[in-house]
Amino acid sequence: MTIGRGLWTFVGALVVLLLVVSWSWSQSSGKMKTAAVVGKETISDAEWVAALKQKYGQQVLQDMINRKVVFQEAERQGITADPKMLEKELAQIRESYGSENDRDFEQALMRQAGTTIEALTQEITYQWLLRELATQEISVTEEQIQTFYNNNPERFTQPLQVRLWQIVVASKQEADVVVKELKQGANFQTLAKERSIDSLTAASGGDMGWISLEKSDLPDDAKAMLADLSKGKNSSPVKQDDQYVIYHVAERREAKQTAFDQVKDDLRREMAFAQVESLDTFMERLRESVGVEINGQMPH
């Protein structure tokens, strides 16, 4: 069970922070950079960051303050993030990006979210500590957790997932040729690089990443075929619009039910957090407790 949508809200703020830090560094180095050239005019880094500060400045500053407040209060109380939780969260996010190693994951994070594994780890830690602090005085019984678990079985069922490769061609004739070559021992990924016309996956040997068949937008006949296809096997050509696709099941994760004992601690935190009356009010109390000054004045 992941931290949720809030994580990616804060990743956006991290991107802005990275821009500000980058500009500050160039200023301190005496290097004024040009952000863009528009016809005969230029937009400097200074103008760019000034606009960012005007539009997002208060939001980002408040977020930076909140982070320091949460980390300081957690340290004062001796609360630390569970390393197993961090590892699990990162693994789930890495999986959603279809990355097999940290290098690929780092590149995908930077390309799609403008952040790093280190910054993401810090973000997950912050969210976890915030929840721990906010729910300290909220009690959730084992019976309540068990009832929620029993009433929401779909949340705790992992559907069948397959790691798919694909070769997309323009005609049935081409598809039949590919199938014949595969039966003769040709390497699937090599053929995908040479023959596939799918611009998104051809360069990676047809790698589509992990697909949850139930939730995918694959045609129903493809889903039915792939559900019965063993690891390491190739599908027959599947017609999709005006093209034909041959799939290869590189790996399978069978459908399974997550046991209550595996999720009860996460559920307890989630259910407790849902009872927090107002996170803004809690953060205001926390800021007052730690002590915060903005430009020589206490924040409102």
Protein backbone atom coordinates (compact mmCIF):
# COMPACT_ATOMS: atom_id res chain seq x y z
CA MET A 1 0.00 0.00 0.00
CA THR A 2 1.61 3.23 -1.10
CA ILE A 3 1.56 6.65 0.51
CA GLY A 4 -0.75 7.91 -2.21
CA ARG A 5 -1.51 10.92 -4.35
CA GLY A 6 -0.01 13.39 -1.87
CA LEU A 7 3.46 12.17 -2.78
CA TRP A 8 3.26 13.42 -6.34
CA THR A 9 1.76 16.76 -5.26
CA PHE A 10 4.97 17.46 -3.38
CA VAL A 11 7.19 16.21 -6.19
CA GLY A 12 5.95 19.23 -8.18
CA ALA A 13 7.16 21.51 -5.42
CA LEU A 14 10.52 19.74 -5.46
CA VAL A 15 10.91 20.56 -9.15
CA VAL A 16 10.39 24.25 -8.39
CA LEU A 17 12.87 24.04 -5.52
CA LEU A 18 15.46 22.48 -7.80
CA LEU A 19 15.04 25.35 -10.24
CA VAL A 20 15.50 27.91 -7.49
CA VAL A 21 18.57 26.16 -6.10
CA SER A 22 20.05 25.89 -9.58
CA TRP A 23 19.55 29.61 -10.19
CA SER A 24 20.96 30.55 -6.79
CA TRP A 25 24.09 28.55 -7.56
CA SER A 26 24.61 30.34 -10.88
CA GLN A 27 24.15 33.69 -9.13
CA SER A 28 26.71 32.87 -6.47
CA SER A 29 29.11 31.75 -9.20
CA GLY A 30 28.70 35.06 -11.00
CA LYS A 31 27.19 33.31 -14.03
CA MET A 32 24.00 34.92 -15.31
CA LYS A 33 22.34 32.47 -17.67
CA THR A 34 19.73 32.95 -20.37
CA ALA A 35 16.66 30.75 -19.95
CA ALA A 36 15.22 31.39 -23.42
CA VAL A 37 15.59 33.52 -26.54
CA VAL A 38 12.36 34.79 -28.07
CA GLY A 39 13.00 36.58 -31.36
CA LYS A 40 15.23 39.53 -30.54
CA GLU A 41 14.57 39.32 -26.79
CA THR A 42 15.85 37.07 -24.03
CA ILE A 43 14.37 35.73 -20.82
CA SER A 44 17.05 35.49 -18.14
CA ASP A 45 17.22 32.94 -15.36
CA ALA A 46 16.65 35.84 -12.96
CA GLU A 47 13.37 36.79 -14.66
CA TRP A 48 12.29 33.18 -14.82
CA VAL A 49 12.92 32.48 -11.13
CA ALA A 50 11.38 35.83 -10.12
CA ALA A 51 8.18 34.78 -11.90
CA LEU A 52 8.30 31.37 -10.22
CA LYS A 53 8.83 32.99 -6.83
CA GLN A 54 5.93 35.38 -7.37
CA LYS A 55 3.57 32.59 -8.43
CA TYR A 56 4.72 29.71 -6.21
CA GLY A 57 7.04 31.37 -3.68
CA GLN A 58 4.77 31.35 -0.63
CA GLN A 59 3.60 27.81 -1.32
CA VAL A 60 7.15 26.50 -1.70
CA LEU A 61 8.44 28.42 1.33
CA GLN A 62 5.59 27.10 3.46
CA ASP A 63 6.33 23.58 2.25
CA MET A 64 10.04 23.97 3.09
CA ILE A 65 9.12 25.23 6.57
CA ASN A 66 6.70 22.35 7.13
CA ARG A 67 9.35 19.83 6.18
CA LYS A 68 11.91 21.24 8.61
CA VAL A 69 9.27 21.41 11.36
CA VAL A 70 8.25 17.77 10.85
CA PHE A 71 11.83 16.47 10.72
CA GLN A 72 12.85 18.47 13.82
CA GLU A 73 9.82 17.35 15.84
CA ALA A 74 10.28 13.72 14.79
CA GLU A 75 13.93 13.89 15.84
CA ARG A 76 12.96 15.45 19.19
CA GLN A 77 10.52 12.60 19.83
CA GLY A 78 12.88 9.91 18.56
CA ILE A 79 10.57 8.91 15.68
CA THR A 80 12.35 7.52 12.63
CA ALA A 81 11.10 6.14 9.33
CA ASP A 82 10.96 2.36 9.04
CA PRO A 83 13.68 1.24 6.55
CA LYS A 84 11.46 -1.64 5.37
CA MET A 85 8.67 0.83 4.62
CA LEU A 86 11.05 3.01 2.59
CA GLU A 87 12.33 0.01 0.68
CA LYS A 88 8.78 -1.18 -0.08
CA GLU A 89 7.57 2.26 -1.21
CA LEU A 90 10.56 2.76 -3.50
CA ALA A 91 10.16 -0.74 -4.94
CA GLN A 92 6.51 -0.09 -5.75
CA ILE A 93 7.26 3.24 -7.42
CA ARG A 94 10.21 1.71 -9.30
CA GLU A 95 7.88 -1.03 -10.53
CA SER A 96 5.33 1.53 -11.74
CA TYR A 97 8.09 3.03 -13.90
CA GLY A 98 8.99 -0.40 -15.27
CA SER A 99 12.60 0.00 -14.09
CA GLU A 100 14.72 -3.02 -13.21
CA ASN A 101 17.63 -1.19 -11.57
CA ASP A 102 18.42 2.09 -9.82
CA ARG A 103 20.13 3.60 -12.86
CA ASP A 104 17.06 3.14 -15.10
CA PHE A 105 14.81 4.26 -12.26
CA GLU A 106 16.86 7.42 -11.65
CA GLN A 107 16.76 8.32 -15.34
CA ALA A 108 13.01 7.72 -15.54
CA LEU A 109 12.39 9.81 -12.41
CA MET A 110 14.44 12.72 -13.73
CA ARG A 111 12.85 12.53 -17.16
CA GLN A 112 9.22 12.23 -16.01
CA ALA A 113 9.12 13.91 -12.58
CA GLY A 114 12.25 16.07 -12.49
CA THR A 115 13.51 14.49 -9.28
CA THR A 116 16.02 11.92 -7.97
CA ILE A 117 15.88 8.75 -5.89
CA GLU A 118 17.45 10.63 -2.98
CA ALA A 119 14.83 13.40 -3.15
CA LEU A 120 12.05 10.83 -3.53
CA THR A 121 13.31 8.93 -0.48
CA GLN A 122 13.32 12.18 1.48
CA GLU A 123 9.76 12.87 0.31
CA ILE A 124 8.49 9.44 1.37
CA THR A 125 10.22 9.86 4.74
CA TYR A 126 8.59 13.27 5.24
CA GLN A 127 5.11 11.96 4.42
CA TRP A 128 5.57 8.98 6.76
CA LEU A 129 6.83 11.08 9.67
CA LEU A 130 4.02 13.61 9.17
CA ARG A 131 1.43 10.86 9.43
CA GLU A 132 3.11 9.36 12.50
CA LEU A 133 3.13 12.72 14.28
CA ALA A 134 -0.42 13.63 13.26
CA THR A 135 -1.94 10.33 14.42
CA GLN A 136 -0.13 9.83 17.72
CA GLU A 137 -3.26 10.38 19.80
CA ILE A 138 -5.70 8.56 17.50
CA SER A 139 -6.58 4.96 18.32
CA VAL A 140 -7.82 2.36 15.83
CA THR A 141 -8.79 -1.08 17.13
CA GLU A 142 -7.86 -4.42 15.57
CA GLU A 143 -11.58 -5.12 15.12
CA GLN A 144 -12.05 -1.91 13.08
CA ILE A 145 -9.08 -2.79 10.88
CA GLN A 146 -10.34 -6.35 10.34
CA THR A 147 -13.79 -5.04 9.38
CA PHE A 148 -12.31 -2.65 6.83
CA TYR A 149 -10.17 -5.45 5.40
CA ASN A 150 -13.15 -7.79 5.09
CA ASN A 151 -15.34 -5.12 3.47
CA ASN A 152 -12.78 -4.11 0.83
CA PRO A 153 -11.41 -7.37 -0.63
CA GLU A 154 -10.58 -5.77 -4.00
CA ARG A 155 -8.00 -3.54 -2.34
CA PHE A 156 -6.02 -6.50 -1.07
CA THR A 157 -6.09 -8.70 -4.13
CA GLN A 158 -3.09 -8.46 -6.44
CA PRO A 159 -4.34 -9.18 -9.97
CA LEU A 160 -2.43 -11.22 -12.51
CA GLN A 161 0.51 -9.20 -13.88
CA VAL A 162 2.73 -10.02 -16.84
CA ARG A 163 5.99 -8.50 -18.02
CA LEU A 164 5.36 -8.12 -21.75
CA TRP A 165 7.47 -7.61 -24.84
CA GLN A 166 5.84 -6.90 -28.17
CA ILE A 167 6.56 -6.80 -31.88
CA VAL A 168 4.15 -4.64 -33.87
CA VAL A 169 3.96 -5.06 -37.65
CA ALA A 170 1.75 -3.65 -40.39
CA SER A 171 0.29 -6.83 -41.91
CA LYS A 172 -0.70 -10.43 -41.19
CA GLN A 173 1.90 -11.60 -43.69
CA GLU A 174 4.69 -9.81 -41.79
CA ALA A 175 3.35 -11.18 -38.50
CA ASP A 176 3.43 -14.74 -39.84
CA VAL A 177 7.05 -14.26 -40.94
CA VAL A 178 8.00 -13.03 -37.45
CA VAL A 179 6.24 -15.99 -35.81
CA LYS A 180 8.08 -18.40 -38.13
CA GLU A 181 11.47 -16.83 -37.30
CA LEU A 182 10.72 -16.99 -33.58
CA LYS A 183 9.86 -20.70 -33.88
CA GLN A 184 13.20 -21.18 -35.64
CA GLY A 185 15.00 -19.70 -32.63
CA ALA A 186 15.29 -16.00 -33.44
CA ASN A 187 15.71 -13.69 -30.41
CA PHE A 188 12.46 -11.85 -29.65
CA GLN A 189 14.05 -8.57 -28.55
CA THR A 190 16.41 -8.50 -31.51
CA LEU A 191 13.47 -8.96 -33.89
CA ALA A 192 11.54 -6.24 -32.05
CA LYS A 193 14.39 -3.79 -32.60
CA GLU A 194 14.62 -4.74 -36.27
CA ARG A 195 10.95 -5.19 -37.23
CA SER A 196 8.61 -3.51 -34.75
CA ILE A 197 6.97 -0.30 -35.94
CA ASP A 198 5.96 0.75 -32.43
CA SER A 199 8.03 3.87 -31.70
CA LEU A 200 7.62 3.61 -27.92
CA THR A 201 8.93 0.07 -27.41
CA ALA A 202 10.98 -0.96 -30.46
CA ALA A 203 14.26 0.54 -29.23
CA SER A 204 14.00 -1.37 -25.93
CA GLY A 205 13.38 -4.69 -27.65
CA GLY A 206 9.60 -4.37 -27.37
CA ASP A 207 9.61 -4.06 -23.57
CA MET A 208 6.18 -2.87 -22.35
CA GLY A 209 7.01 -3.27 -18.66
CA TRP A 210 4.69 -4.90 -16.13
CA ILE A 211 1.05 -4.97 -17.22
CA SER A 212 -1.97 -5.70 -15.03
CA LEU A 213 -4.15 -7.48 -17.57
CA GLU A 214 -7.38 -6.66 -15.74
CA LYS A 215 -6.73 -2.92 -15.82
CA SER A 216 -4.90 -2.70 -19.14
CA ASP A 217 -6.38 -1.29 -22.34
CA LEU A 218 -5.36 -4.37 -24.32
CA PRO A 219 -8.10 -5.96 -26.48
CA ASP A 220 -10.16 -8.63 -24.73
CA ASP A 221 -8.91 -11.38 -27.03
CA ALA A 222 -5.29 -10.39 -26.22
CA LYS A 223 -6.04 -10.43 -22.48
CA ALA A 224 -7.59 -13.89 -22.68
CA MET A 225 -4.65 -15.26 -24.66
CA LEU A 226 -2.01 -13.71 -22.39
CA ALA A 227 -3.75 -14.90 -19.21
CA ASP A 228 -3.12 -18.49 -20.34
CA LEU A 229 0.37 -17.92 -21.79
CA SER A 230 3.24 -19.35 -19.76
CA LYS A 231 6.43 -17.50 -18.93
CA GLY A 232 8.82 -17.49 -21.89
CA LYS A 233 6.11 -18.19 -24.47
CA ASN A 234 5.07 -16.12 -27.51
CA SER A 235 1.50 -15.36 -28.54
CA SER A 236 -0.10 -15.82 -31.91
CA PRO A 237 -0.50 -12.56 -33.89
CA VAL A 238 -3.27 -10.36 -32.44
CA LYS A 239 -5.02 -7.89 -34.75
CA GLN A 240 -5.22 -4.39 -33.29
CA ASP A 241 -6.72 -1.74 -35.54
CA ASP A 242 -4.74 -2.02 -38.79
CA GLN A 243 -1.72 -3.66 -37.18
CA TYR A 244 -0.71 -7.07 -35.83
CA VAL A 245 1.04 -7.67 -32.50
CA ILE A 246 3.05 -10.66 -31.30
CA TYR A 247 3.54 -10.72 -27.52
CA HIS A 248 6.16 -12.45 -25.39
CA VAL A 249 5.53 -13.13 -21.70
CA ALA A 250 8.91 -12.49 -20.08
CA GLU A 251 7.63 -12.96 -16.49
CA ARG A 252 4.37 -13.61 -14.64
CA ARG A 253 3.06 -12.64 -11.23
CA GLU A 254 0.03 -14.73 -10.43
CA ALA A 255 -3.04 -13.22 -8.80
CA LYS A 256 -2.97 -13.47 -5.02
CA GLN A 257 -4.67 -12.20 -1.90
CA THR A 258 -2.58 -10.11 0.50
CA ALA A 259 -2.92 -11.53 4.02
CA PHE A 260 -4.40 -9.38 6.78
CA ASP A 261 -1.22 -9.52 8.87
CA GLN A 262 0.77 -8.06 5.95
CA VAL A 263 -1.38 -4.94 5.69
CA LYS A 264 -2.84 -4.33 9.13
CA ASP A 265 -0.10 -1.89 10.23
CA ASP A 266 -0.45 0.15 7.04
CA LEU A 267 -4.23 0.07 7.42
CA ARG A 268 -4.01 1.23 11.03
CA ARG A 269 -1.97 4.26 9.91
CA GLU A 270 -4.29 4.98 7.01
CA MET A 271 -7.46 4.75 9.10
CA ALA A 272 -5.94 6.87 11.86
CA PHE A 273 -4.83 9.51 9.36
CA ALA A 274 -8.37 9.64 7.94
CA GLN A 275 -9.52 10.73 11.39
CA VAL A 276 -7.17 13.71 11.60
CA GLU A 277 -9.61 16.61 11.80
CA SER A 278 -7.45 19.18 10.00
CA LEU A 279 -3.88 18.72 8.82
CA ASP A 280 -3.51 22.50 8.47
CA THR A 281 -4.50 22.98 12.11
CA PHE A 282 -2.07 20.26 13.18
CA MET A 283 0.78 21.82 11.19
CA GLU A 284 0.00 25.24 12.66
CA ARG A 285 0.31 23.81 16.18
CA LEU A 286 3.53 22.06 15.21
CA ARG A 287 5.03 25.26 13.78
CA GLU A 288 4.14 27.15 16.95
CA SER A 289 5.71 24.40 19.06
CA VAL A 290 8.98 24.35 17.10
CA GLY A 291 9.10 28.13 16.52
CA VAL A 292 9.20 29.69 13.05
CA GLU A 293 10.16 33.19 11.91
CA ILE A 294 9.75 34.55 8.38
CA ASN A 295 11.78 37.69 7.58
CA GLY A 296 12.03 38.52 11.26
CA GLN A 297 8.29 38.03 11.89
CA MET A 298 6.29 35.12 13.20
CA PRO A 299 4.14 33.59 10.42
CA HIS A 300 0.38 34.15 10.48
